[in-house]
Amino acid sequence: MSLAVWLAVGTKNIMDEQPKIPTPSPVLLRELNYAYTPVVAFVIVAIVALVLWTKRLGPTTLLAEAETIDAIVSSPQPGVLAEASKDIRIFSKVASGQIVTRVVGADPKNPIPLTAPIEGIITKIHRYPGDTNAVVAAGEPIMTITAPRPDRLIAFLRQPLTFDPKPGMKVTIRPRARSQKTYEATIDKVSPQLAPIRGALLPPGQTRVELGLPIIIEKLPAELNLYAGEIVDLTIHPGEISAVK
């Protein structure tokens, strides 16, 4: 064996016998930082982007209130309310055009009949026919007749407005407590300006006035049975828009 080969083999054996020097902790941490920081940063940015996208384009759930039509019965001229039929009282059902009372005016022999403008239920009597306080002025409310079924929902998109609601956007209606079934509809109208949010649609305990963007759903599913004033959950799907007819 030559001297050069002998020296090389000897040196290799000596190096193999030497203990390995451990990597210092700061160096190891620096290497881990270089290796994993970009991956962690990418994941965080992706999560933030997903949350922002969901808030802006994902479904948004609001509270909505069922509204119905209230029609006022009033007299075209001043006079005294004549005594009405016993069937005319609070929560009585009336047909459209049905005579609910008469007003005795300038000509006592020809009292003016007052009729129900819509089919519905008498929900309030402002002046009782035949009562001592039955004198009415022209245009003064005498009765309020409420339609038997709500004809639309109203909701308010609270600030900050995370998206622009538009007619045709699909919504999911979910009654509370009484039924677990959901119903599909679309937004029919969006107000051009903000308005005070109704108290029933504000968070519990909030008394300060808050402005929101009114949203109206008019084409309610026929099988959706609600009471006037009933609160439902309304989920808006900004990414789903149907053609407005």
C-alpha atoms as a PDB file:
ATOM      1  CA  MET A   1       0.000   0.000   0.000  1.00  0.00           C
ATOM      2  CA  SER A   2       1.352   3.375  -0.934  1.00  0.00           C
ATOM      3  CA  LEU A   3       1.908   6.092   1.591  1.00  0.00           C
ATOM      4  CA  ALA A   4      -0.793   8.310   0.065  1.00  0.00           C
ATOM      5  CA  VAL A   5      -3.413   5.544   0.214  1.00  0.00           C
ATOM      6  CA  TRP A   6      -2.427   4.682   3.760  1.00  0.00           C
ATOM      7  CA  LEU A   7      -2.781   8.291   4.870  1.00  0.00           C
ATOM      8  CA  ALA A   8      -6.202   8.653   3.186  1.00  0.00           C
ATOM      9  CA  VAL A   9      -7.570   5.507   4.811  1.00  0.00           C
ATOM     10  CA  GLY A  10      -6.209   6.491   8.163  1.00  0.00           C
ATOM     11  CA  THR A  11      -7.672   9.975   7.991  1.00  0.00           C
ATOM     12  CA  LYS A  12     -11.125   8.574   7.042  1.00  0.00           C
ATOM     13  CA  ASN A  13     -11.059   6.168   9.988  1.00  0.00           C
ATOM     14  CA  ILE A  14     -10.132   8.962  12.385  1.00  0.00           C
ATOM     15  CA  MET A  15     -12.989  11.183  11.068  1.00  0.00           C
ATOM     16  CA  ASP A  16     -15.501   8.318  11.362  1.00  0.00           C
ATOM     17  CA  GLU A  17     -14.526   7.849  14.966  1.00  0.00           C
ATOM     18  CA  GLN A  18     -15.115  11.544  15.872  1.00  0.00           C
ATOM     19  CA  PRO A  19     -18.516  12.363  17.537  1.00  0.00           C
ATOM     20  CA  LYS A  20     -20.978  14.447  15.461  1.00  0.00           C
ATOM     21  CA  ILE A  21     -21.256  18.087  16.515  1.00  0.00           C
ATOM     22  CA  PRO A  22     -24.947  18.932  17.314  1.00  0.00           C
ATOM     23  CA  THR A  23     -26.590  21.820  15.444  1.00  0.00           C
ATOM     24  CA  PRO A  24     -27.052  24.853  17.735  1.00  0.00           C
ATOM     25  CA  SER A  25     -30.685  25.694  18.584  1.00  0.00           C
ATOM     26  CA  PRO A  26     -30.628  29.184  16.982  1.00  0.00           C
ATOM     27  CA  VAL A  27     -29.351  27.686  13.740  1.00  0.00           C
ATOM     28  CA  LEU A  28     -31.986  24.954  13.824  1.00  0.00           C
ATOM     29  CA  LEU A  29     -34.759  27.477  14.490  1.00  0.00           C
ATOM     30  CA  ARG A  30     -33.517  29.627  11.639  1.00  0.00           C
ATOM     31  CA  GLU A  31     -33.599  26.655   9.269  1.00  0.00           C
ATOM     32  CA  LEU A  32     -37.142  25.757  10.364  1.00  0.00           C
ATOM     33  CA  ASN A  33     -38.185  29.371   9.916  1.00  0.00           C
ATOM     34  CA  TYR A  34     -36.833  29.420   6.355  1.00  0.00           C
ATOM     35  CA  ALA A  35     -38.559  26.125   5.555  1.00  0.00           C
ATOM     36  CA  TYR A  36     -42.041  26.620   7.049  1.00  0.00           C
ATOM     37  CA  THR A  37     -42.732  30.355   7.347  1.00  0.00           C
ATOM     38  CA  PRO A  38     -43.800  30.732   3.677  1.00  0.00           C
ATOM     39  CA  VAL A  39     -46.198  27.779   4.020  1.00  0.00           C
ATOM     40  CA  VAL A  40     -47.772  29.141   7.233  1.00  0.00           C
ATOM     41  CA  ALA A  41     -48.111  32.626   5.727  1.00  0.00           C
ATOM     42  CA  PHE A  42     -49.818  31.204   2.640  1.00  0.00           C
ATOM     43  CA  VAL A  43     -52.313  29.249   4.768  1.00  0.00           C
ATOM     44  CA  ILE A  44     -53.148  32.323   6.875  1.00  0.00           C
ATOM     45  CA  VAL A  45     -53.682  34.506   3.787  1.00  0.00           C
ATOM     46  CA  ALA A  46     -55.885  31.802   2.240  1.00  0.00           C
ATOM     47  CA  ILE A  47     -58.035  31.598   5.384  1.00  0.00           C
ATOM     48  CA  VAL A  48     -58.431  35.390   5.570  1.00  0.00           C
ATOM     49  CA  ALA A  49     -59.358  35.532   1.879  1.00  0.00           C
ATOM     50  CA  LEU A  50     -61.928  32.776   2.375  1.00  0.00           C
ATOM     51  CA  VAL A  51     -63.502  34.571   5.334  1.00  0.00           C
ATOM     52  CA  LEU A  52     -63.715  37.855   3.424  1.00  0.00           C
ATOM     53  CA  TRP A  53     -65.166  36.108   0.381  1.00  0.00           C
ATOM     54  CA  THR A  54     -67.757  34.341   2.540  1.00  0.00           C
ATOM     55  CA  LYS A  55     -68.806  37.603   4.183  1.00  0.00           C
ATOM     56  CA  ARG A  56     -69.095  39.399   0.872  1.00  0.00           C
ATOM     57  CA  LEU A  57     -70.438  36.738  -1.481  1.00  0.00           C
ATOM     58  CA  GLY A  58     -71.531  33.953   0.853  1.00  0.00           C
ATOM     59  CA  PRO A  59     -75.026  33.570   2.322  1.00  0.00           C
ATOM     60  CA  THR A  60     -76.133  36.249   4.809  1.00  0.00           C
ATOM     61  CA  THR A  61     -78.928  35.604   7.311  1.00  0.00           C
ATOM     62  CA  LEU A  62     -81.189  38.438   8.502  1.00  0.00           C
ATOM     63  CA  LEU A  63     -84.374  38.747  10.517  1.00  0.00           C
ATOM     64  CA  ALA A  64     -87.492  39.541   8.497  1.00  0.00           C
ATOM     65  CA  GLU A  65     -90.999  40.550   9.543  1.00  0.00           C
ATOM     66  CA  ALA A  66     -94.217  39.434   7.877  1.00  0.00           C
ATOM     67  CA  GLU A  67     -96.334  42.371   6.770  1.00  0.00           C
ATOM     68  CA  THR A  68     -99.977  42.521   5.772  1.00  0.00           C
ATOM     69  CA  ILE A  69    -102.368  45.122   4.385  1.00  0.00           C
ATOM     70  CA  ASP A  70    -104.258  47.372   6.797  1.00  0.00           C
ATOM     71  CA  ALA A  71    -107.265  49.207   5.348  1.00  0.00           C
ATOM     72  CA  ILE A  72    -108.963  52.107   7.122  1.00  0.00           C
ATOM     73  CA  VAL A  73    -112.724  52.639   7.092  1.00  0.00           C
ATOM     74  CA  SER A  74    -113.527  56.361   7.308  1.00  0.00           C
ATOM     75  CA  SER A  75    -116.458  58.643   6.603  1.00  0.00           C
ATOM     76  CA  PRO A  76    -116.498  61.005   3.593  1.00  0.00           C
ATOM     77  CA  GLN A  77    -118.363  63.603   5.665  1.00  0.00           C
ATOM     78  CA  PRO A  78    -118.888  64.487   9.341  1.00  0.00           C
ATOM     79  CA  GLY A  79    -121.750  62.882  11.214  1.00  0.00           C
ATOM     80  CA  VAL A  80    -122.770  60.369  13.843  1.00  0.00           C
ATOM     81  CA  LEU A  81    -122.198  56.633  13.533  1.00  0.00           C
ATOM     82  CA  ALA A  82    -125.432  54.661  13.517  1.00  0.00           C
ATOM     83  CA  GLU A  83    -125.601  51.456  15.514  1.00  0.00           C
ATOM     84  CA  ALA A  84    -124.084  48.585  13.528  1.00  0.00           C
ATOM     85  CA  SER A  85    -124.932  44.906  13.321  1.00  0.00           C
ATOM     86  CA  LYS A  86    -123.954  42.733  16.275  1.00  0.00           C
ATOM     87  CA  ASP A  87    -121.599  40.868  13.933  1.00  0.00           C
ATOM     88  CA  ILE A  88    -119.415  43.967  13.593  1.00  0.00           C
ATOM     89  CA  ARG A  89    -116.971  43.817  16.494  1.00  0.00           C
ATOM     90  CA  ILE A  90    -113.288  43.311  17.142  1.00  0.00           C
ATOM     91  CA  PHE A  91    -111.806  40.316  15.253  1.00  0.00           C
ATOM     92  CA  SER A  92    -114.966  39.874  13.177  1.00  0.00           C
ATOM     93  CA  LYS A  93    -114.436  38.658   9.614  1.00  0.00           C
ATOM     94  CA  VAL A  94    -115.805  40.922   6.883  1.00  0.00           C
ATOM     95  CA  ALA A  95    -116.052  40.596   3.123  1.00  0.00           C
ATOM     96  CA  SER A  96    -114.899  43.208   0.644  1.00  0.00           C
ATOM     97  CA  GLY A  97    -117.795  45.633   0.066  1.00  0.00           C
ATOM     98  CA  GLN A  98    -119.696  44.527   3.178  1.00  0.00           C
ATOM     99  CA  ILE A  99    -121.476  47.342   5.053  1.00  0.00           C
ATOM    100  CA  VAL A 100    -119.847  47.710   8.471  1.00  0.00           C
ATOM    101  CA  THR A 101    -121.669  50.828   9.692  1.00  0.00           C
ATOM    102  CA  ARG A 102    -123.546  53.948   8.539  1.00  0.00           C
ATOM    103  CA  VAL A 103    -122.997  57.637   9.142  1.00  0.00           C
ATOM    104  CA  VAL A 104    -125.928  59.938   9.802  1.00  0.00           C
ATOM    105  CA  GLY A 105    -124.988  63.259   8.277  1.00  0.00           C
ATOM    106  CA  ALA A 106    -126.828  66.348   7.141  1.00  0.00           C
ATOM    107  CA  ASP A 107    -129.760  64.264   5.896  1.00  0.00           C
ATOM    108  CA  PRO A 108    -130.846  61.947   8.736  1.00  0.00           C
ATOM    109  CA  LYS A 109    -133.214  60.096   6.439  1.00  0.00           C
ATOM    110  CA  ASN A 110    -130.390  58.970   4.171  1.00  0.00           C
ATOM    111  CA  PRO A 111    -127.462  57.690   6.257  1.00  0.00           C
ATOM    112  CA  ILE A 112    -124.287  56.960   4.311  1.00  0.00           C
ATOM    113  CA  PRO A 113    -123.249  53.286   4.285  1.00  0.00           C
ATOM    114  CA  LEU A 114    -119.567  52.619   4.990  1.00  0.00           C
ATOM    115  CA  THR A 115    -118.174  49.420   3.510  1.00  0.00           C
ATOM    116  CA  ALA A 116    -115.083  47.280   4.046  1.00  0.00           C
ATOM    117  CA  PRO A 117    -112.490  48.126   1.358  1.00  0.00           C
ATOM    118  CA  ILE A 118    -110.914  44.641   1.559  1.00  0.00           C
ATOM    119  CA  GLU A 119    -111.700  41.185   2.816  1.00  0.00           C
ATOM    120  CA  GLY A 120    -110.195  40.666   6.235  1.00  0.00           C
ATOM    121  CA  ILE A 121    -110.597  40.920   9.965  1.00  0.00           C
ATOM    122  CA  ILE A 122    -111.529  43.965  12.051  1.00  0.00           C
ATOM    123  CA  THR A 123    -108.407  44.442  14.168  1.00  0.00           C
ATOM    124  CA  LYS A 124    -109.203  47.845  15.635  1.00  0.00           C
ATOM    125  CA  ILE A 125    -112.341  49.930  16.220  1.00  0.00           C
ATOM    126  CA  HIS A 126    -111.498  53.608  16.652  1.00  0.00           C
ATOM    127  CA  ARG A 127    -115.104  54.797  17.020  1.00  0.00           C
ATOM    128  CA  TYR A 128    -117.829  52.427  18.158  1.00  0.00           C
ATOM    129  CA  PRO A 129    -121.117  52.773  16.250  1.00  0.00           C
ATOM    130  CA  GLY A 130    -124.001  53.727  18.530  1.00  0.00           C
ATOM    131  CA  ASP A 131    -121.644  54.812  21.322  1.00  0.00           C
ATOM    132  CA  THR A 132    -121.887  58.204  23.040  1.00  0.00           C
ATOM    133  CA  ASN A 133    -118.574  59.104  21.417  1.00  0.00           C
ATOM    134  CA  ALA A 134    -119.762  58.189  17.936  1.00  0.00           C
ATOM    135  CA  VAL A 135    -119.382  61.656  16.405  1.00  0.00           C
ATOM    136  CA  VAL A 136    -116.820  61.551  13.592  1.00  0.00           C
ATOM    137  CA  ALA A 137    -115.158  64.077  11.327  1.00  0.00           C
ATOM    138  CA  ALA A 138    -114.688  63.659   7.603  1.00  0.00           C
ATOM    139  CA  GLY A 139    -111.775  61.301   6.939  1.00  0.00           C
ATOM    140  CA  GLU A 140    -111.440  60.262  10.573  1.00  0.00           C
ATOM    141  CA  PRO A 141    -110.557  56.543  11.023  1.00  0.00           C
ATOM    142  CA  ILE A 142    -113.447  54.442  12.263  1.00  0.00           C
ATOM    143  CA  MET A 143    -112.163  50.879  11.853  1.00  0.00           C
ATOM    144  CA  THR A 144    -109.004  49.100  10.753  1.00  0.00           C
ATOM    145  CA  ILE A 145    -109.434  45.974   8.666  1.00  0.00           C
ATOM    146  CA  THR A 146    -106.438  43.686   8.274  1.00  0.00           C
ATOM    147  CA  ALA A 147    -105.988  41.274   5.382  1.00  0.00           C
ATOM    148  CA  PRO A 148    -106.173  37.625   6.507  1.00  0.00           C
ATOM    149  CA  ARG A 149    -102.680  36.734   5.291  1.00  0.00           C
ATOM    150  CA  PRO A 150     -99.330  38.559   5.144  1.00  0.00           C
ATOM    151  CA  ASP A 151     -98.447  39.536   1.595  1.00  0.00           C
ATOM    152  CA  ARG A 152     -94.746  40.333   1.979  1.00  0.00           C
ATOM    153  CA  LEU A 153     -91.616  40.206   4.141  1.00  0.00           C
ATOM    154  CA  ILE A 154     -89.400  43.135   5.068  1.00  0.00           C
ATOM    155  CA  ALA A 155     -85.814  42.840   6.279  1.00  0.00           C
ATOM    156  CA  PHE A 156     -82.997  45.328   6.885  1.00  0.00           C
ATOM    157  CA  LEU A 157     -79.373  44.791   5.879  1.00  0.00           C
ATOM    158  CA  ARG A 158     -77.328  46.258   8.708  1.00  0.00           C
ATOM    159  CA  GLN A 159     -74.217  48.378   8.275  1.00  0.00           C
ATOM    160  CA  PRO A 160     -71.524  47.967   7.135  1.00  0.00           C
ATOM    161  CA  LEU A 161     -73.123  46.761   3.913  1.00  0.00           C
ATOM    162  CA  THR A 162     -70.999  43.775   2.869  1.00  0.00           C
ATOM    163  CA  PHE A 163     -72.745  43.381  -0.510  1.00  0.00           C
ATOM    164  CA  ASP A 164     -75.303  45.127  -2.730  1.00  0.00           C
ATOM    165  CA  PRO A 165     -78.663  43.326  -2.557  1.00  0.00           C
ATOM    166  CA  LYS A 166     -80.502  43.338  -5.879  1.00  0.00           C
ATOM    167  CA  PRO A 167     -83.939  42.255  -7.126  1.00  0.00           C
ATOM    168  CA  GLY A 168     -83.779  38.647  -8.259  1.00  0.00           C
ATOM    169  CA  MET A 169     -81.311  37.498  -5.600  1.00  0.00           C
ATOM    170  CA  LYS A 170     -82.405  34.160  -4.197  1.00  0.00           C
ATOM    171  CA  VAL A 171     -83.446  33.931  -0.544  1.00  0.00           C
ATOM    172  CA  THR A 172     -84.310  31.103   1.835  1.00  0.00           C
ATOM    173  CA  ILE A 173     -87.163  31.693   4.297  1.00  0.00           C
ATOM    174  CA  ARG A 174     -87.053  29.733   7.535  1.00  0.00           C
ATOM    175  CA  PRO A 175     -89.972  30.113   9.997  1.00  0.00           C
ATOM    176  CA  ARG A 176     -88.970  29.946  13.634  1.00  0.00           C
ATOM    177  CA  ALA A 177     -90.167  27.317  16.139  1.00  0.00           C
ATOM    178  CA  ARG A 178     -93.444  26.388  14.422  1.00  0.00           C
ATOM    179  CA  SER A 179     -91.834  24.669  11.442  1.00  0.00           C
ATOM    180  CA  GLN A 180     -88.431  23.402  10.376  1.00  0.00           C
ATOM    181  CA  LYS A 181     -89.301  23.589   6.679  1.00  0.00           C
ATOM    182  CA  THR A 182     -87.606  26.170   4.462  1.00  0.00           C
ATOM    183  CA  TYR A 183     -89.036  28.036   1.481  1.00  0.00           C
ATOM    184  CA  GLU A 184     -87.364  29.578  -1.545  1.00  0.00           C
ATOM    185  CA  ALA A 185     -88.134  33.048  -2.941  1.00  0.00           C
ATOM    186  CA  THR A 186     -86.353  36.059  -4.445  1.00  0.00           C
ATOM    187  CA  ILE A 187     -85.838  39.693  -3.521  1.00  0.00           C
ATOM    188  CA  ASP A 188     -88.451  41.880  -5.217  1.00  0.00           C
ATOM    189  CA  LYS A 189     -87.505  45.380  -4.083  1.00  0.00           C
ATOM    190  CA  VAL A 190     -84.535  47.145  -2.487  1.00  0.00           C
ATOM    191  CA  SER A 191     -84.889  50.626  -1.024  1.00  0.00           C
ATOM    192  CA  PRO A 192     -82.721  53.373  -2.561  1.00  0.00           C
ATOM    193  CA  GLN A 193     -81.920  54.721   0.915  1.00  0.00           C
ATOM    194  CA  LEU A 194     -81.333  53.572   4.478  1.00  0.00           C
ATOM    195  CA  ALA A 195     -84.171  53.645   7.000  1.00  0.00           C
ATOM    196  CA  PRO A 196     -84.556  53.035  10.758  1.00  0.00           C
ATOM    197  CA  ILE A 197     -84.600  49.307  11.527  1.00  0.00           C
ATOM    198  CA  ARG A 198     -87.800  48.202  13.224  1.00  0.00           C
ATOM    199  CA  GLY A 199     -87.527  47.409  16.901  1.00  0.00           C
ATOM    200  CA  ALA A 200     -88.621  43.778  16.441  1.00  0.00           C
ATOM    201  CA  LEU A 201     -85.674  43.223  14.080  1.00  0.00           C
ATOM    202  CA  LEU A 202     -82.999  44.748  16.337  1.00  0.00           C
ATOM    203  CA  PRO A 203     -80.835  42.694  18.719  1.00  0.00           C
ATOM    204  CA  PRO A 204     -82.484  42.104  22.134  1.00  0.00           C
ATOM    205  CA  GLY A 205     -81.979  45.030  24.483  1.00  0.00           C
ATOM    206  CA  GLN A 206     -80.947  47.539  21.813  1.00  0.00           C
ATOM    207  CA  THR A 207     -82.844  50.808  22.159  1.00  0.00           C
ATOM    208  CA  ARG A 208     -80.776  53.169  20.018  1.00  0.00           C
ATOM    209  CA  VAL A 209     -81.942  53.949  16.505  1.00  0.00           C
ATOM    210  CA  GLU A 210     -79.987  52.082  13.825  1.00  0.00           C
ATOM    211  CA  LEU A 211     -80.224  52.543  10.076  1.00  0.00           C
ATOM    212  CA  GLY A 212     -80.332  49.652   7.628  1.00  0.00           C
ATOM    213  CA  LEU A 213     -81.157  48.995   3.978  1.00  0.00           C
ATOM    214  CA  PRO A 214     -84.791  47.793   3.567  1.00  0.00           C
ATOM    215  CA  ILE A 215     -85.276  44.647   1.478  1.00  0.00           C
ATOM    216  CA  ILE A 216     -88.739  43.475   0.355  1.00  0.00           C
ATOM    217  CA  ILE A 217     -89.900  39.969  -0.616  1.00  0.00           C
ATOM    218  CA  GLU A 218     -93.400  40.117  -2.113  1.00  0.00           C
ATOM    219  CA  LYS A 219     -93.873  36.844  -4.003  1.00  0.00           C
ATOM    220  CA  LEU A 220     -94.270  34.566  -1.002  1.00  0.00           C
ATOM    221  CA  PRO A 221     -94.722  30.805  -1.521  1.00  0.00           C
ATOM    222  CA  ALA A 222     -98.403  29.840  -1.384  1.00  0.00           C
ATOM    223  CA  GLU A 223     -97.732  27.138   1.224  1.00  0.00           C
ATOM    224  CA  LEU A 224     -95.961  29.561   3.578  1.00  0.00           C
ATOM    225  CA  ASN A 225     -98.419  30.320   6.390  1.00  0.00           C
ATOM    226  CA  LEU A 226     -97.397  33.248   8.582  1.00  0.00           C
ATOM    227  CA  TYR A 227     -99.084  35.624  11.003  1.00  0.00           C
ATOM    228  CA  ALA A 228     -98.841  39.364  10.511  1.00  0.00           C
ATOM    229  CA  GLY A 229     -95.842  40.557  12.498  1.00  0.00           C
ATOM    230  CA  GLU A 230     -94.244  37.098  12.693  1.00  0.00           C
ATOM    231  CA  ILE A 231     -90.433  37.050  12.616  1.00  0.00           C
ATOM    232  CA  VAL A 232     -88.608  34.629  10.303  1.00  0.00           C
ATOM    233  CA  ASP A 233     -84.980  33.959   9.355  1.00  0.00           C
ATOM    234  CA  LEU A 234     -84.133  35.192   5.868  1.00  0.00           C
ATOM    235  CA  THR A 235     -80.938  33.925   4.210  1.00  0.00           C
ATOM    236  CA  ILE A 236     -79.782  35.896   1.161  1.00  0.00           C
ATOM    237  CA  HIS A 237     -77.577  34.217  -1.461  1.00  0.00           C
ATOM    238  CA  PRO A 238     -75.677  37.084  -3.187  1.00  0.00           C
ATOM    239  CA  GLY A 239     -74.073  34.747  -5.721  1.00  0.00           C
ATOM    240  CA  GLU A 240     -77.421  33.398  -6.948  1.00  0.00           C
ATOM    241  CA  ILE A 241     -79.553  35.759  -9.037  1.00  0.00           C
ATOM    242  CA  SER A 242     -82.563  34.798 -11.151  1.00  0.00           C
ATOM    243  CA  ALA A 243     -84.013  36.847 -13.978  1.00  0.00           C
ATOM    244  CA  VAL A 244     -86.443  39.526 -12.783  1.00  0.00           C
ATOM    245  CA  LYS A 245     -89.819  39.206 -14.506  1.00  0.00           C
END
